[in-house]
Structures are given as C-alpha cells and as structure tokens.
Amino acid sequence: MRLFIALPLPDPVRAALAVAQEQLRRDNPPVRWTDATRMHLTLQFLGETSAAVVPTLVAGLAELTVPPIHLALSGLGAFPGLQRPRVIWAGIAGDIGALDRLRAAVIAVTTPLGFAPETRPFTPHLTLGRLRDEARPEQIRALAATLRAADTLPPLAWEAGRPILYQSTLKPEGAVYTALGPESAA
C-alpha cells in the first residue's frame, strides 16, 4: 500500500484552488494538473507500506492532541523556483508554528514504526500541478511569466482538522486517495 498522512481541505479552499488552476491553464502550459477535489496538505509521505502497520498508524494518529490550527491560502509559486518551475503550488500562511508542531507529532508516531522523516525542510504548500517532462524552454519561461503575473489567491482561511492516513492508488487518470482513518474531527 502506498500511504501518506495529510490534512484534508474544506470545500471552499478546494474551489479557490480550482479557480487558480483555471487562471494558470489559460496559456495551456505543459502541466499535469492536480484534481482540486483531491487536494490535501501532506504532512508526511510514507511510501509503500505493509497493510499490517495501518491499524497502528491509525491508532497513533487518533491519540494525537490536535489544537485548532488556523491556516490561510497565501500566494502562488513553484519549486525549485520560478526560473525552473517543476511543481506549481499554492502557499499556506497562518499558524505555521502550530502546523510544524503537529507535523513533529505525526513524525513521532511514524518514526518508531520505521518511517524516516523527510530530510528537506518542511514547506507547507498545496500542489496545483507538475510540469511535464516534455516541456520546452519557451513553455517553461511562459509558465514562469504566467505565475509571476497571476492573480493572487484570496486569503481564504480555515481551521485544520485531524491528520488522516490516506492510501494512494496510482491510476492512468491520476491518483485515487482513500482515507483509512482516524475519522476527521473537521
């Protein structure tokens, strides 16, 4: 099973992200767009995992104390940067310190089970799409210019809920995510 732990997003946030994607699509850049209905805020990617560990992961996540974490959409950008965009993202603002503490608590649940934390710094973001490998240099420059000129996201705020364990099943039409638990408190 391919697993990850993430925070679900409320429908108004997903709708705002879909509008942002539509603005960016206007010039038809070579991007594989994320389905806005499946967007989430990833806290830890676990990768291929035995189904036997799922009950322990769900129980560990259910035991976490999750204080209210106020988040908001905050701008558009790209990794590794606008000069060479590979991943198009929407930024997250708000109580990032509380989000970092929640992520650390998630890692404290997963590390004893053999999952290594990500070595790169945690940069909270929502992936809007990924540049396709066949993108030509002029298309990459045009996408970067579109990102620079794009309307900013509305400062839509929400309160994050409990982290959820998801299974990701890769299909030709895109990944399908199945929530495995614990039940969301949001």
C-alpha atoms as a PDB file:
ATOM      1  CA  MET A   1       0.000   0.000   0.000  1.00  0.00           C
ATOM      2  CA  ARG A   2       1.234   3.486  -0.853  1.00  0.00           C
ATOM      3  CA  LEU A   3       0.467   5.711   2.151  1.00  0.00           C
ATOM      4  CA  PHE A   4       0.714   9.310   3.299  1.00  0.00           C
ATOM      5  CA  ILE A   5      -0.562  11.433   6.190  1.00  0.00           C
ATOM      6  CA  ALA A   6      -2.303  14.705   5.376  1.00  0.00           C
ATOM      7  CA  LEU A   7      -4.775  17.315   6.477  1.00  0.00           C
ATOM      8  CA  PRO A   8      -7.988  17.396   4.452  1.00  0.00           C
ATOM      9  CA  LEU A   9      -9.091  20.724   2.986  1.00  0.00           C
ATOM     10  CA  PRO A  10     -12.549  22.263   3.226  1.00  0.00           C
ATOM     11  CA  ASP A  11     -14.549  22.575   0.010  1.00  0.00           C
ATOM     12  CA  PRO A  12     -14.260  26.414  -0.263  1.00  0.00           C
ATOM     13  CA  VAL A  13     -10.451  26.111  -0.229  1.00  0.00           C
ATOM     14  CA  ARG A  14     -10.523  23.443  -2.938  1.00  0.00           C
ATOM     15  CA  ALA A  15     -12.853  25.628  -5.009  1.00  0.00           C
ATOM     16  CA  ALA A  16     -10.488  28.622  -4.730  1.00  0.00           C
ATOM     17  CA  LEU A  17      -7.574  26.408  -5.785  1.00  0.00           C
ATOM     18  CA  ALA A  18      -9.548  25.180  -8.810  1.00  0.00           C
ATOM     19  CA  VAL A  19     -10.110  28.820  -9.851  1.00  0.00           C
ATOM     20  CA  ALA A  20      -6.366  29.495  -9.524  1.00  0.00           C
ATOM     21  CA  GLN A  21      -5.602  26.454 -11.668  1.00  0.00           C
ATOM     22  CA  GLU A  22      -8.035  27.677 -14.320  1.00  0.00           C
ATOM     23  CA  GLN A  23      -6.231  31.052 -14.456  1.00  0.00           C
ATOM     24  CA  LEU A  24      -2.899  29.284 -14.888  1.00  0.00           C
ATOM     25  CA  ARG A  25      -4.262  26.952 -17.591  1.00  0.00           C
ATOM     26  CA  ARG A  26      -5.201  29.811 -19.924  1.00  0.00           C
ATOM     27  CA  ASP A  27      -1.910  29.634 -21.852  1.00  0.00           C
ATOM     28  CA  ASN A  28      -2.120  25.827 -21.918  1.00  0.00           C
ATOM     29  CA  PRO A  29       1.232  25.154 -20.238  1.00  0.00           C
ATOM     30  CA  PRO A  30       2.555  21.568 -20.276  1.00  0.00           C
ATOM     31  CA  VAL A  31       1.451  20.822 -16.712  1.00  0.00           C
ATOM     32  CA  ARG A  32      -0.158  17.723 -15.216  1.00  0.00           C
ATOM     33  CA  TRP A  33      -2.748  19.425 -13.010  1.00  0.00           C
ATOM     34  CA  THR A  34      -3.805  18.033  -9.643  1.00  0.00           C
ATOM     35  CA  ASP A  35      -7.520  17.347  -9.324  1.00  0.00           C
ATOM     36  CA  ALA A  36      -8.706  20.069  -6.923  1.00  0.00           C
ATOM     37  CA  THR A  37     -11.243  17.681  -5.383  1.00  0.00           C
ATOM     38  CA  ARG A  38      -8.343  15.502  -4.182  1.00  0.00           C
ATOM     39  CA  MET A  39      -6.072  18.242  -2.820  1.00  0.00           C
ATOM     40  CA  HIS A  40      -4.743  17.959   0.718  1.00  0.00           C
ATOM     41  CA  LEU A  41      -1.904  19.298   2.859  1.00  0.00           C
ATOM     42  CA  THR A  42       0.671  16.495   3.135  1.00  0.00           C
ATOM     43  CA  LEU A  43       2.410  16.186   6.494  1.00  0.00           C
ATOM     44  CA  GLN A  44       4.388  13.018   5.762  1.00  0.00           C
ATOM     45  CA  PHE A  45       4.694  10.718   2.764  1.00  0.00           C
ATOM     46  CA  LEU A  46       5.208   7.148   3.932  1.00  0.00           C
ATOM     47  CA  GLY A  47       5.506   5.348   0.591  1.00  0.00           C
ATOM     48  CA  GLU A  48       4.988   1.629   0.072  1.00  0.00           C
ATOM     49  CA  THR A  49       3.898   0.149   3.381  1.00  0.00           C
ATOM     50  CA  SER A  50       2.624  -3.174   4.668  1.00  0.00           C
ATOM     51  CA  ALA A  51      -1.109  -3.233   5.380  1.00  0.00           C
ATOM     52  CA  ALA A  52      -0.256  -4.777   8.762  1.00  0.00           C
ATOM     53  CA  VAL A  53       1.019  -1.411  10.073  1.00  0.00           C
ATOM     54  CA  VAL A  54      -2.167   0.519   9.164  1.00  0.00           C
ATOM     55  CA  PRO A  55      -4.058  -0.150  12.433  1.00  0.00           C
ATOM     56  CA  THR A  56      -1.053   1.032  14.472  1.00  0.00           C
ATOM     57  CA  LEU A  57      -0.713   4.190  12.364  1.00  0.00           C
ATOM     58  CA  VAL A  58      -4.417   4.992  12.648  1.00  0.00           C
ATOM     59  CA  ALA A  59      -4.371   4.400  16.418  1.00  0.00           C
ATOM     60  CA  GLY A  60      -1.311   6.639  16.813  1.00  0.00           C
ATOM     61  CA  LEU A  61      -2.927   9.441  14.829  1.00  0.00           C
ATOM     62  CA  ALA A  62      -6.154   9.090  16.822  1.00  0.00           C
ATOM     63  CA  GLU A  63      -4.211   9.616  20.061  1.00  0.00           C
ATOM     64  CA  LEU A  64      -2.712  12.930  18.939  1.00  0.00           C
ATOM     65  CA  THR A  65      -3.921  16.049  20.676  1.00  0.00           C
ATOM     66  CA  VAL A  66      -4.825  18.364  17.824  1.00  0.00           C
ATOM     67  CA  PRO A  67      -5.313  22.005  18.845  1.00  0.00           C
ATOM     68  CA  PRO A  68      -7.076  24.391  16.452  1.00  0.00           C
ATOM     69  CA  ILE A  69      -4.663  25.398  13.707  1.00  0.00           C
ATOM     70  CA  HIS A  70      -5.721  28.433  11.704  1.00  0.00           C
ATOM     71  CA  LEU A  71      -4.416  28.386   8.133  1.00  0.00           C
ATOM     72  CA  ALA A  72      -4.973  30.513   5.034  1.00  0.00           C
ATOM     73  CA  LEU A  73      -4.103  30.467   1.346  1.00  0.00           C
ATOM     74  CA  SER A  74      -1.114  32.642   0.544  1.00  0.00           C
ATOM     75  CA  GLY A  75       0.127  33.207  -2.990  1.00  0.00           C
ATOM     76  CA  LEU A  76       1.372  31.050  -5.831  1.00  0.00           C
ATOM     77  CA  GLY A  77       4.845  29.795  -6.591  1.00  0.00           C
ATOM     78  CA  ALA A  78       6.966  26.955  -7.896  1.00  0.00           C
ATOM     79  CA  PHE A  79       9.633  24.523  -6.717  1.00  0.00           C
ATOM     80  CA  PRO A  80      12.539  24.774  -7.072  1.00  0.00           C
ATOM     81  CA  GLY A  81      11.786  28.352  -8.190  1.00  0.00           C
ATOM     82  CA  LEU A  82      10.229  30.446 -10.931  1.00  0.00           C
ATOM     83  CA  GLN A  83      13.361  30.204 -13.112  1.00  0.00           C
ATOM     84  CA  ARG A  84      12.938  26.423 -13.353  1.00  0.00           C
ATOM     85  CA  PRO A  85       9.392  25.587 -12.232  1.00  0.00           C
ATOM     86  CA  ARG A  86       8.767  21.864 -11.723  1.00  0.00           C
ATOM     87  CA  VAL A  87       5.987  21.870  -9.114  1.00  0.00           C
ATOM     88  CA  ILE A  88       3.338  24.629  -9.138  1.00  0.00           C
ATOM     89  CA  TRP A  89       1.986  25.363  -5.660  1.00  0.00           C
ATOM     90  CA  ALA A  90      -0.304  27.493  -3.545  1.00  0.00           C
ATOM     91  CA  GLY A  91       1.264  28.763  -0.343  1.00  0.00           C
ATOM     92  CA  ILE A  92      -0.008  28.344   3.190  1.00  0.00           C
ATOM     93  CA  ALA A  93       0.010  31.092   5.823  1.00  0.00           C
ATOM     94  CA  GLY A  94      -1.389  31.326   9.321  1.00  0.00           C
ATOM     95  CA  ASP A  95      -0.270  29.428  12.403  1.00  0.00           C
ATOM     96  CA  ILE A  96       2.698  27.712  10.755  1.00  0.00           C
ATOM     97  CA  GLY A  97       4.330  27.121  14.164  1.00  0.00           C
ATOM     98  CA  ALA A  98       1.349  25.017  15.276  1.00  0.00           C
ATOM     99  CA  LEU A  99       1.406  23.223  11.920  1.00  0.00           C
ATOM    100  CA  ASP A 100       5.117  22.430  12.421  1.00  0.00           C
ATOM    101  CA  ARG A 101       4.361  21.074  15.903  1.00  0.00           C
ATOM    102  CA  LEU A 102       1.560  18.893  14.515  1.00  0.00           C
ATOM    103  CA  ARG A 103       3.890  17.567  11.821  1.00  0.00           C
ATOM    104  CA  ALA A 104       6.506  16.792  14.503  1.00  0.00           C
ATOM    105  CA  ALA A 105       3.839  14.894  16.467  1.00  0.00           C
ATOM    106  CA  VAL A 106       2.960  12.899  13.333  1.00  0.00           C
ATOM    107  CA  ILE A 107       6.636  12.057  12.812  1.00  0.00           C
ATOM    108  CA  ALA A 108       6.844  10.971  16.462  1.00  0.00           C
ATOM    109  CA  VAL A 109       4.062   8.466  15.689  1.00  0.00           C
ATOM    110  CA  THR A 110       5.641   7.166  12.471  1.00  0.00           C
ATOM    111  CA  THR A 111       9.362   7.062  13.361  1.00  0.00           C
ATOM    112  CA  PRO A 112       9.106   4.137  15.841  1.00  0.00           C
ATOM    113  CA  LEU A 113       7.378   2.188  13.064  1.00  0.00           C
ATOM    114  CA  GLY A 114      10.422   2.578  10.800  1.00  0.00           C
ATOM    115  CA  PHE A 115       9.393   5.601   8.729  1.00  0.00           C
ATOM    116  CA  ALA A 116      12.169   8.120   8.209  1.00  0.00           C
ATOM    117  CA  PRO A 117      11.246  11.813   8.299  1.00  0.00           C
ATOM    118  CA  GLU A 118      11.845  13.894   5.185  1.00  0.00           C
ATOM    119  CA  THR A 119      15.350  15.384   5.140  1.00  0.00           C
ATOM    120  CA  ARG A 120      14.289  18.576   3.338  1.00  0.00           C
ATOM    121  CA  PRO A 121      12.794  21.408   5.384  1.00  0.00           C
ATOM    122  CA  PHE A 122       9.007  21.322   5.650  1.00  0.00           C
ATOM    123  CA  THR A 123       7.494  23.937   3.347  1.00  0.00           C
ATOM    124  CA  PRO A 124       3.707  23.880   3.742  1.00  0.00           C
ATOM    125  CA  HIS A 125       2.089  24.079   0.313  1.00  0.00           C
ATOM    126  CA  LEU A 126      -0.707  22.678  -1.823  1.00  0.00           C
ATOM    127  CA  THR A 127       0.430  21.165  -5.104  1.00  0.00           C
ATOM    128  CA  LEU A 128      -1.540  22.560  -8.047  1.00  0.00           C
ATOM    129  CA  GLY A 129       0.372  20.701 -10.748  1.00  0.00           C
ATOM    130  CA  ARG A 130       3.666  19.347 -12.022  1.00  0.00           C
ATOM    131  CA  LEU A 131       5.483  20.406 -15.169  1.00  0.00           C
ATOM    132  CA  ARG A 132       5.587  17.619 -17.751  1.00  0.00           C
ATOM    133  CA  ASP A 133       8.988  16.280 -18.819  1.00  0.00           C
ATOM    134  CA  GLU A 134       8.392  17.246 -22.452  1.00  0.00           C
ATOM    135  CA  ALA A 135       8.098  20.963 -21.637  1.00  0.00           C
ATOM    136  CA  ARG A 136      10.216  23.074 -23.960  1.00  0.00           C
ATOM    137  CA  PRO A 137      12.328  26.003 -22.647  1.00  0.00           C
ATOM    138  CA  GLU A 138       9.963  28.602 -24.124  1.00  0.00           C
ATOM    139  CA  GLN A 139       6.995  26.890 -22.434  1.00  0.00           C
ATOM    140  CA  ILE A 140       8.842  26.919 -19.121  1.00  0.00           C
ATOM    141  CA  ARG A 141       9.587  30.643 -19.484  1.00  0.00           C
ATOM    142  CA  ALA A 142       5.934  31.329 -20.382  1.00  0.00           C
ATOM    143  CA  LEU A 143       4.719  29.367 -17.339  1.00  0.00           C
ATOM    144  CA  ALA A 144       7.079  31.307 -15.072  1.00  0.00           C
ATOM    145  CA  ALA A 145       5.781  34.595 -16.511  1.00  0.00           C
ATOM    146  CA  THR A 146       2.183  33.453 -16.019  1.00  0.00           C
ATOM    147  CA  LEU A 147       2.927  32.589 -12.388  1.00  0.00           C
ATOM    148  CA  ARG A 148       4.516  35.995 -11.804  1.00  0.00           C
ATOM    149  CA  ALA A 149       1.508  37.763 -13.315  1.00  0.00           C
ATOM    150  CA  ALA A 150      -1.209  35.506 -11.863  1.00  0.00           C
ATOM    151  CA  ASP A 151      -3.822  36.974  -9.591  1.00  0.00           C
ATOM    152  CA  THR A 152      -3.057  36.162  -6.010  1.00  0.00           C
ATOM    153  CA  LEU A 153      -5.209  33.705  -4.151  1.00  0.00           C
ATOM    154  CA  PRO A 154      -7.958  35.008  -1.911  1.00  0.00           C
ATOM    155  CA  PRO A 155      -6.794  34.996   1.729  1.00  0.00           C
ATOM    156  CA  LEU A 156      -9.282  32.223   2.423  1.00  0.00           C
ATOM    157  CA  ALA A 157      -8.865  30.955   5.992  1.00  0.00           C
ATOM    158  CA  TRP A 158      -9.838  27.678   7.610  1.00  0.00           C
ATOM    159  CA  GLU A 159      -9.208  25.640  10.720  1.00  0.00           C
ATOM    160  CA  ALA A 160      -7.229  22.472  10.112  1.00  0.00           C
ATOM    161  CA  GLY A 161      -8.626  19.232  11.461  1.00  0.00           C
ATOM    162  CA  ARG A 162      -7.080  15.946  12.488  1.00  0.00           C
ATOM    163  CA  PRO A 163      -4.356  14.368  10.307  1.00  0.00           C
ATOM    164  CA  ILE A 164      -5.677  11.463   8.266  1.00  0.00           C
ATOM    165  CA  LEU A 165      -3.864   8.388   6.953  1.00  0.00           C
ATOM    166  CA  TYR A 166      -4.523   8.020   3.222  1.00  0.00           C
ATOM    167  CA  GLN A 167      -3.862   5.278   0.728  1.00  0.00           C
ATOM    168  CA  SER A 168      -2.799   6.484  -2.714  1.00  0.00           C
ATOM    169  CA  THR A 169      -3.636   4.204  -5.629  1.00  0.00           C
ATOM    170  CA  LEU A 170      -1.952   5.276  -8.859  1.00  0.00           C
ATOM    171  CA  LYS A 171      -4.129   5.024 -11.980  1.00  0.00           C
ATOM    172  CA  PRO A 172      -3.633   6.316 -15.540  1.00  0.00           C
ATOM    173  CA  GLU A 173      -6.189   9.100 -14.924  1.00  0.00           C
ATOM    174  CA  GLY A 174      -4.454  10.149 -11.689  1.00  0.00           C
ATOM    175  CA  ALA A 175      -4.053   9.046  -8.104  1.00  0.00           C
ATOM    176  CA  VAL A 176      -7.092   7.947  -6.120  1.00  0.00           C
ATOM    177  CA  TYR A 177      -6.946   8.701  -2.394  1.00  0.00           C
ATOM    178  CA  THR A 178      -8.765   6.643   0.204  1.00  0.00           C
ATOM    179  CA  ALA A 179      -8.978   7.838   3.811  1.00  0.00           C
ATOM    180  CA  LEU A 180      -8.057   4.992   6.162  1.00  0.00           C
ATOM    181  CA  GLY A 181      -8.601   6.895   9.430  1.00  0.00           C
ATOM    182  CA  PRO A 182      -8.856   8.140  12.016  1.00  0.00           C
ATOM    183  CA  GLU A 183     -12.170   9.810  11.356  1.00  0.00           C
ATOM    184  CA  SER A 184     -11.759  13.520  10.737  1.00  0.00           C
ATOM    185  CA  ALA A 185     -12.768  15.856  13.539  1.00  0.00           C
ATOM    186  CA  ALA A 186     -13.332  18.637  10.976  1.00  0.00           C
END
